Amino acid sequence: VDTTLLFGHDEDCKTMTLEELAPDEGEVFARLKEWIAAEHRSTRAMFRALRDAAGVEGARMSREDWIAALTASSFGATEAQSSMIYDCCDYAEVGFIQDDDVIFLERDPKVRAQETFRIK
């Protein structure tokens, strides 16, 4: 196996990005991160906006509420894409997500680290 060919697409052979591993899914997540930054400025604000749009009270969103809200938003995701994103947020399959579950979508590594530290 030519690991340089497999992992070195971006000349970084130590890590593999989602875009390298799964280009279609990587494109959706890259577009989502850009949308969050442009439209909401933070993952927390994006989560609150989607929660409010879905009419959800409390801190948790179900799969159905997330898919409906994200699909109807200006992001322009299909139901399948919204479902895929939800699955990544609810990685433990607890049946709901909350604002802490979307921190990994923050594109700024410093803000992501601060938010992650805040929840600990």
N, C-alpha and C. Protein backbone atom coordinates (compact mmCIF):
# COMPACT_ATOMS: atom_id res chain seq x y z
N VAL A 1 0.85 -1.18 0.00
CA VAL A 1 0.00 0.00 0.00
C VAL A 1 0.89 1.23 0.00
N ASP A 2 0.61 2.14 -0.89
CA ASP A 2 1.35 3.39 -0.98
C ASP A 2 0.71 4.40 -0.02
N THR A 3 1.25 4.48 1.20
CA THR A 3 0.66 5.36 2.21
C THR A 3 0.79 6.83 1.85
N THR A 4 1.83 7.18 1.14
CA THR A 4 1.97 8.58 0.72
C THR A 4 0.84 8.94 -0.24
N LEU A 5 0.53 8.05 -1.15
CA LEU A 5 -0.57 8.28 -2.08
C LEU A 5 -1.90 8.30 -1.34
N LEU A 6 -2.07 7.42 -0.35
CA LEU A 6 -3.31 7.31 0.39
C LEU A 6 -3.53 8.48 1.34
N PHE A 7 -2.49 8.82 2.12
CA PHE A 7 -2.63 9.83 3.17
C PHE A 7 -2.02 11.18 2.82
N GLY A 8 -1.24 11.26 1.77
CA GLY A 8 -0.48 12.48 1.49
C GLY A 8 -1.10 13.43 0.50
N HIS A 9 -2.40 13.33 0.29
CA HIS A 9 -3.08 14.22 -0.66
C HIS A 9 -2.80 15.69 -0.37
N ASP A 10 -2.78 16.05 0.92
CA ASP A 10 -2.52 17.44 1.31
C ASP A 10 -1.10 17.61 1.82
N GLU A 11 -0.23 16.66 1.50
CA GLU A 11 1.17 16.63 1.90
C GLU A 11 1.35 16.47 3.41
N ASP A 12 0.31 16.05 4.11
CA ASP A 12 0.37 15.74 5.54
C ASP A 12 0.11 14.24 5.67
N CYS A 13 1.17 13.48 5.84
CA CYS A 13 1.04 12.03 5.90
C CYS A 13 0.75 11.53 7.31
N LYS A 14 0.63 12.43 8.28
CA LYS A 14 0.39 12.02 9.67
C LYS A 14 -1.09 11.92 10.00
N THR A 15 -1.91 12.64 9.29
CA THR A 15 -3.35 12.62 9.56
C THR A 15 -4.12 12.51 8.26
N MET A 16 -5.36 12.12 8.40
CA MET A 16 -6.24 12.02 7.25
C MET A 16 -7.49 12.82 7.56
N THR A 17 -7.84 13.73 6.68
CA THR A 17 -9.02 14.57 6.90
C THR A 17 -10.26 13.85 6.41
N LEU A 18 -11.41 14.35 6.85
CA LEU A 18 -12.68 13.80 6.38
C LEU A 18 -12.80 13.97 4.87
N GLU A 19 -12.31 15.10 4.37
CA GLU A 19 -12.37 15.36 2.93
C GLU A 19 -11.57 14.32 2.15
N GLU A 20 -10.44 13.86 2.72
CA GLU A 20 -9.64 12.83 2.07
C GLU A 20 -10.29 11.46 2.17
N LEU A 21 -10.87 11.18 3.31
CA LEU A 21 -11.47 9.87 3.57
C LEU A 21 -12.82 9.70 2.85
N ALA A 22 -13.66 10.71 2.94
CA ALA A 22 -15.01 10.66 2.35
C ALA A 22 -15.31 12.04 1.75
N PRO A 23 -14.91 12.25 0.51
CA PRO A 23 -15.02 13.59 -0.10
C PRO A 23 -16.43 14.19 -0.08
N ASP A 24 -17.45 13.42 -0.36
CA ASP A 24 -18.82 13.96 -0.38
C ASP A 24 -19.24 14.43 1.00
N GLU A 25 -19.02 13.59 2.00
CA GLU A 25 -19.38 13.95 3.37
C GLU A 25 -18.50 15.10 3.86
N GLY A 26 -17.23 15.07 3.50
CA GLY A 26 -16.32 16.14 3.88
C GLY A 26 -16.76 17.48 3.33
N GLU A 27 -17.26 17.49 2.11
CA GLU A 27 -17.75 18.72 1.50
C GLU A 27 -18.94 19.27 2.26
N VAL A 28 -19.85 18.39 2.69
CA VAL A 28 -21.02 18.83 3.45
C VAL A 28 -20.59 19.45 4.78
N PHE A 29 -19.66 18.82 5.48
CA PHE A 29 -19.21 19.35 6.76
C PHE A 29 -18.43 20.64 6.59
N ALA A 30 -17.62 20.75 5.55
CA ALA A 30 -16.88 21.99 5.29
C ALA A 30 -17.87 23.12 5.01
N ARG A 31 -18.88 22.85 4.21
CA ARG A 31 -19.90 23.84 3.89
C ARG A 31 -20.69 24.23 5.14
N LEU A 32 -20.99 23.24 5.99
CA LEU A 32 -21.72 23.51 7.24
C LEU A 32 -20.91 24.42 8.15
N LYS A 33 -19.62 24.15 8.29
CA LYS A 33 -18.77 25.00 9.15
C LYS A 33 -18.72 26.43 8.64
N GLU A 34 -18.65 26.59 7.34
CA GLU A 34 -18.65 27.93 6.75
C GLU A 34 -19.99 28.63 7.02
N TRP A 35 -21.08 27.89 6.86
CA TRP A 35 -22.41 28.44 7.09
C TRP A 35 -22.58 28.86 8.54
N ILE A 36 -22.12 28.04 9.46
CA ILE A 36 -22.22 28.36 10.89
C ILE A 36 -21.48 29.67 11.17
N ALA A 37 -20.26 29.78 10.66
CA ALA A 37 -19.46 30.99 10.89
C ALA A 37 -20.11 32.22 10.28
N ALA A 38 -20.63 32.09 9.07
CA ALA A 38 -21.21 33.24 8.37
C ALA A 38 -22.57 33.65 8.91
N GLU A 39 -23.41 32.67 9.22
CA GLU A 39 -24.79 32.96 9.61
C GLU A 39 -24.99 33.09 11.12
N HIS A 40 -24.19 32.38 11.91
CA HIS A 40 -24.46 32.32 13.35
C HIS A 40 -23.28 32.71 14.22
N ARG A 41 -22.10 32.71 13.66
CA ARG A 41 -20.86 33.08 14.36
C ARG A 41 -20.37 32.05 15.38
N SER A 42 -21.22 31.14 15.82
CA SER A 42 -20.78 30.10 16.76
C SER A 42 -21.70 28.89 16.65
N THR A 43 -21.18 27.75 17.07
CA THR A 43 -21.99 26.53 17.04
C THR A 43 -23.12 26.63 18.06
N ARG A 44 -22.85 27.29 19.17
CA ARG A 44 -23.88 27.45 20.22
C ARG A 44 -25.05 28.29 19.68
N ALA A 45 -24.74 29.37 18.98
CA ALA A 45 -25.80 30.21 18.41
C ALA A 45 -26.56 29.46 17.32
N MET A 46 -25.86 28.68 16.52
CA MET A 46 -26.51 27.88 15.48
C MET A 46 -27.46 26.88 16.11
N PHE A 47 -27.01 26.21 17.16
CA PHE A 47 -27.86 25.22 17.82
C PHE A 47 -29.12 25.88 18.38
N ARG A 48 -28.94 27.02 19.04
CA ARG A 48 -30.11 27.74 19.61
C ARG A 48 -31.08 28.15 18.51
N ALA A 49 -30.55 28.63 17.38
CA ALA A 49 -31.41 29.07 16.28
C ALA A 49 -32.20 27.89 15.71
N LEU A 50 -31.54 26.75 15.54
CA LEU A 50 -32.24 25.57 15.02
C LEU A 50 -33.25 25.04 16.04
N ARG A 51 -32.87 25.07 17.30
CA ARG A 51 -33.79 24.62 18.35
C ARG A 51 -35.03 25.50 18.39
N ASP A 52 -34.82 26.82 18.31
CA ASP A 52 -35.95 27.76 18.31
C ASP A 52 -36.81 27.57 17.06
N ALA A 53 -36.18 27.37 15.91
CA ALA A 53 -36.92 27.17 14.66
C ALA A 53 -37.78 25.92 14.72
N ALA A 54 -37.30 24.92 15.45
CA ALA A 54 -38.05 23.67 15.58
C ALA A 54 -39.12 23.77 16.67
N GLY A 55 -39.12 24.87 17.42
CA GLY A 55 -40.09 25.03 18.50
C GLY A 55 -39.81 24.15 19.70
N VAL A 56 -38.54 23.80 19.87
CA VAL A 56 -38.15 22.92 20.97
C VAL A 56 -37.89 23.75 22.22
N GLU A 57 -38.47 23.31 23.32
CA GLU A 57 -38.18 23.93 24.61
C GLU A 57 -37.21 23.03 25.34
N GLY A 58 -36.28 23.62 26.05
CA GLY A 58 -35.27 22.83 26.73
C GLY A 58 -33.98 22.81 25.92
N ALA A 59 -33.03 22.05 26.41
CA ALA A 59 -31.68 22.07 25.84
C ALA A 59 -31.41 20.97 24.83
N ARG A 60 -32.36 20.08 24.61
CA ARG A 60 -32.11 18.91 23.76
C ARG A 60 -32.95 18.95 22.49
N MET A 61 -32.36 18.40 21.43
CA MET A 61 -33.10 18.26 20.16
C MET A 61 -33.12 16.80 19.76
N SER A 62 -34.27 16.34 19.33
CA SER A 62 -34.38 14.98 18.82
C SER A 62 -33.88 14.93 17.38
N ARG A 63 -33.70 13.74 16.87
CA ARG A 63 -33.30 13.54 15.48
C ARG A 63 -34.30 14.22 14.54
N GLU A 64 -35.57 13.99 14.78
CA GLU A 64 -36.61 14.54 13.91
C GLU A 64 -36.60 16.06 13.91
N ASP A 65 -36.47 16.66 15.10
CA ASP A 65 -36.44 18.12 15.19
C ASP A 65 -35.21 18.69 14.48
N TRP A 66 -34.05 18.05 14.68
CA TRP A 66 -32.81 18.51 14.04
C TRP A 66 -32.93 18.45 12.53
N ILE A 67 -33.37 17.32 12.02
CA ILE A 67 -33.46 17.14 10.57
C ILE A 67 -34.42 18.16 9.96
N ALA A 68 -35.57 18.34 10.59
CA ALA A 68 -36.55 19.30 10.07
C ALA A 68 -35.99 20.72 10.09
N ALA A 69 -35.36 21.11 11.19
CA ALA A 69 -34.85 22.49 11.32
C ALA A 69 -33.68 22.74 10.39
N LEU A 70 -32.73 21.82 10.31
CA LEU A 70 -31.57 22.05 9.45
C LEU A 70 -31.96 22.01 7.98
N THR A 71 -32.85 21.11 7.61
CA THR A 71 -33.29 21.00 6.23
C THR A 71 -34.04 22.26 5.80
N ALA A 72 -34.81 22.86 6.71
CA ALA A 72 -35.58 24.07 6.40
C ALA A 72 -34.74 25.34 6.48
N SER A 73 -33.55 25.25 7.03
CA SER A 73 -32.71 26.44 7.23
C SER A 73 -32.08 26.91 5.91
N SER A 74 -31.40 28.02 5.98
CA SER A 74 -30.71 28.56 4.79
C SER A 74 -29.46 27.77 4.44
N PHE A 75 -29.09 26.80 5.24
CA PHE A 75 -27.93 25.97 4.93
C PHE A 75 -28.13 25.19 3.63
N GLY A 76 -29.34 24.72 3.41
CA GLY A 76 -29.64 24.02 2.16
C GLY A 76 -29.29 22.55 2.15
N ALA A 77 -29.37 21.90 3.29
CA ALA A 77 -29.08 20.47 3.37
C ALA A 77 -30.30 19.66 2.96
N THR A 78 -30.03 18.49 2.41
CA THR A 78 -31.11 17.54 2.17
C THR A 78 -31.42 16.84 3.48
N GLU A 79 -32.53 16.11 3.52
CA GLU A 79 -32.85 15.34 4.73
C GLU A 79 -31.76 14.32 5.02
N ALA A 80 -31.23 13.70 3.98
CA ALA A 80 -30.16 12.70 4.16
C ALA A 80 -28.90 13.35 4.74
N GLN A 81 -28.55 14.53 4.26
CA GLN A 81 -27.38 15.22 4.79
C GLN A 81 -27.62 15.65 6.24
N SER A 82 -28.80 16.17 6.53
CA SER A 82 -29.13 16.56 7.90
C SER A 82 -29.09 15.37 8.84
N SER A 83 -29.54 14.23 8.36
CA SER A 83 -29.51 13.00 9.15
C SER A 83 -28.07 12.56 9.40
N MET A 84 -27.22 12.64 8.38
CA MET A 84 -25.81 12.26 8.52
C MET A 84 -25.13 13.15 9.56
N ILE A 85 -25.41 14.45 9.50
CA ILE A 85 -24.82 15.38 10.46
C ILE A 85 -25.30 15.05 11.87
N TYR A 86 -26.59 14.78 12.02
CA TYR A 86 -27.12 14.41 13.33
C TYR A 86 -26.41 13.17 13.86
N ASP A 87 -26.22 12.18 13.01
CA ASP A 87 -25.55 10.94 13.45
C ASP A 87 -24.15 11.22 13.98
N CYS A 88 -23.46 12.16 13.38
CA CYS A 88 -22.12 12.51 13.86
C CYS A 88 -22.19 13.26 15.19
N CYS A 89 -23.24 14.03 15.38
CA CYS A 89 -23.41 14.76 16.65
C CYS A 89 -23.84 13.84 17.77
N ASP A 90 -24.70 12.89 17.47
CA ASP A 90 -25.19 11.93 18.47
C ASP A 90 -24.39 10.63 18.34
N TYR A 91 -23.08 10.75 18.44
CA TYR A 91 -22.19 9.60 18.24
C TYR A 91 -22.42 8.49 19.26
N ALA A 92 -22.95 8.82 20.44
CA ALA A 92 -23.20 7.81 21.47
C ALA A 92 -24.60 7.22 21.33
N GLU A 93 -25.36 7.72 20.36
CA GLU A 93 -26.72 7.24 20.08
C GLU A 93 -27.62 7.29 21.32
N VAL A 94 -27.64 8.47 21.97
CA VAL A 94 -28.49 8.64 23.14
C VAL A 94 -29.91 9.10 22.76
N GLY A 95 -30.11 9.48 21.50
CA GLY A 95 -31.44 9.84 21.04
C GLY A 95 -31.74 11.32 21.05
N PHE A 96 -30.76 12.15 21.40
CA PHE A 96 -30.92 13.60 21.36
C PHE A 96 -29.53 14.22 21.27
N ILE A 97 -29.51 15.49 20.90
CA ILE A 97 -28.26 16.24 20.95
C ILE A 97 -28.51 17.55 21.67
N GLN A 98 -27.44 18.11 22.19
CA GLN A 98 -27.50 19.42 22.82
C GLN A 98 -26.32 20.24 22.34
N ASP A 99 -26.23 21.49 22.78
CA ASP A 99 -25.23 22.38 22.19
C ASP A 99 -23.79 21.89 22.35
N ASP A 100 -23.49 21.16 23.39
CA ASP A 100 -22.14 20.62 23.56
C ASP A 100 -21.78 19.60 22.48
N ASP A 101 -22.78 18.96 21.89
CA ASP A 101 -22.53 17.94 20.89
C ASP A 101 -22.15 18.50 19.53
N VAL A 102 -22.30 19.80 19.34
CA VAL A 102 -21.98 20.39 18.03
C VAL A 102 -20.68 21.20 18.05
N ILE A 103 -19.98 21.22 19.17
CA ILE A 103 -18.75 22.00 19.28
C ILE A 103 -17.73 21.58 18.22
N PHE A 104 -17.68 20.32 17.88
CA PHE A 104 -16.69 19.86 16.90
C PHE A 104 -16.90 20.51 15.53
N LEU A 105 -18.06 21.13 15.31
CA LEU A 105 -18.33 21.81 14.04
C LEU A 105 -17.73 23.22 14.00
N GLU A 106 -17.20 23.69 15.11
CA GLU A 106 -16.55 25.00 15.15
C GLU A 106 -15.29 24.96 14.30
N ARG A 107 -15.17 25.87 13.35
CA ARG A 107 -14.01 25.83 12.45
C ARG A 107 -12.76 26.46 13.04
N ASP A 108 -12.91 27.33 14.04
CA ASP A 108 -11.76 27.97 14.67
C ASP A 108 -11.24 27.07 15.79
N PRO A 109 -10.02 26.54 15.66
CA PRO A 109 -9.51 25.60 16.67
C PRO A 109 -9.39 26.21 18.07
N LYS A 110 -9.11 27.50 18.16
CA LYS A 110 -9.00 28.14 19.48
C LYS A 110 -10.37 28.22 20.15
N VAL A 111 -11.37 28.62 19.40
CA VAL A 111 -12.73 28.70 19.95
C VAL A 111 -13.21 27.30 20.31
N ARG A 112 -12.92 26.33 19.45
CA ARG A 112 -13.32 24.94 19.73
C ARG A 112 -12.69 24.45 21.03
N ALA A 113 -11.42 24.76 21.23
CA ALA A 113 -10.73 24.36 22.47
C ALA A 113 -11.33 25.06 23.68
N GLN A 114 -11.64 26.34 23.56
CA GLN A 114 -12.25 27.08 24.67
C GLN A 114 -13.62 26.51 25.02
N GLU A 115 -14.43 26.23 24.01
CA GLU A 115 -15.76 25.67 24.24
C GLU A 115 -15.67 24.28 24.87
N THR A 116 -14.73 23.48 24.40
CA THR A 116 -14.55 22.15 24.95
C THR A 116 -14.11 22.22 26.40
N PHE A 117 -13.20 23.14 26.70
CA PHE A 117 -12.74 23.33 28.08
C PHE A 117 -13.89 23.79 28.96
N ARG A 118 -14.76 24.65 28.44
CA ARG A 118 -15.87 25.20 29.21
C ARG A 118 -16.81 24.11 29.70
N ILE A 119 -17.00 23.06 28.91
CA ILE A 119 -17.95 22.01 29.30
C ILE A 119 -17.36 21.02 30.29
N LYS A 120 -16.05 21.04 30.49
CA LYS A 120 -15.42 20.06 31.40
C LYS A 120 -15.49 20.47 32.82
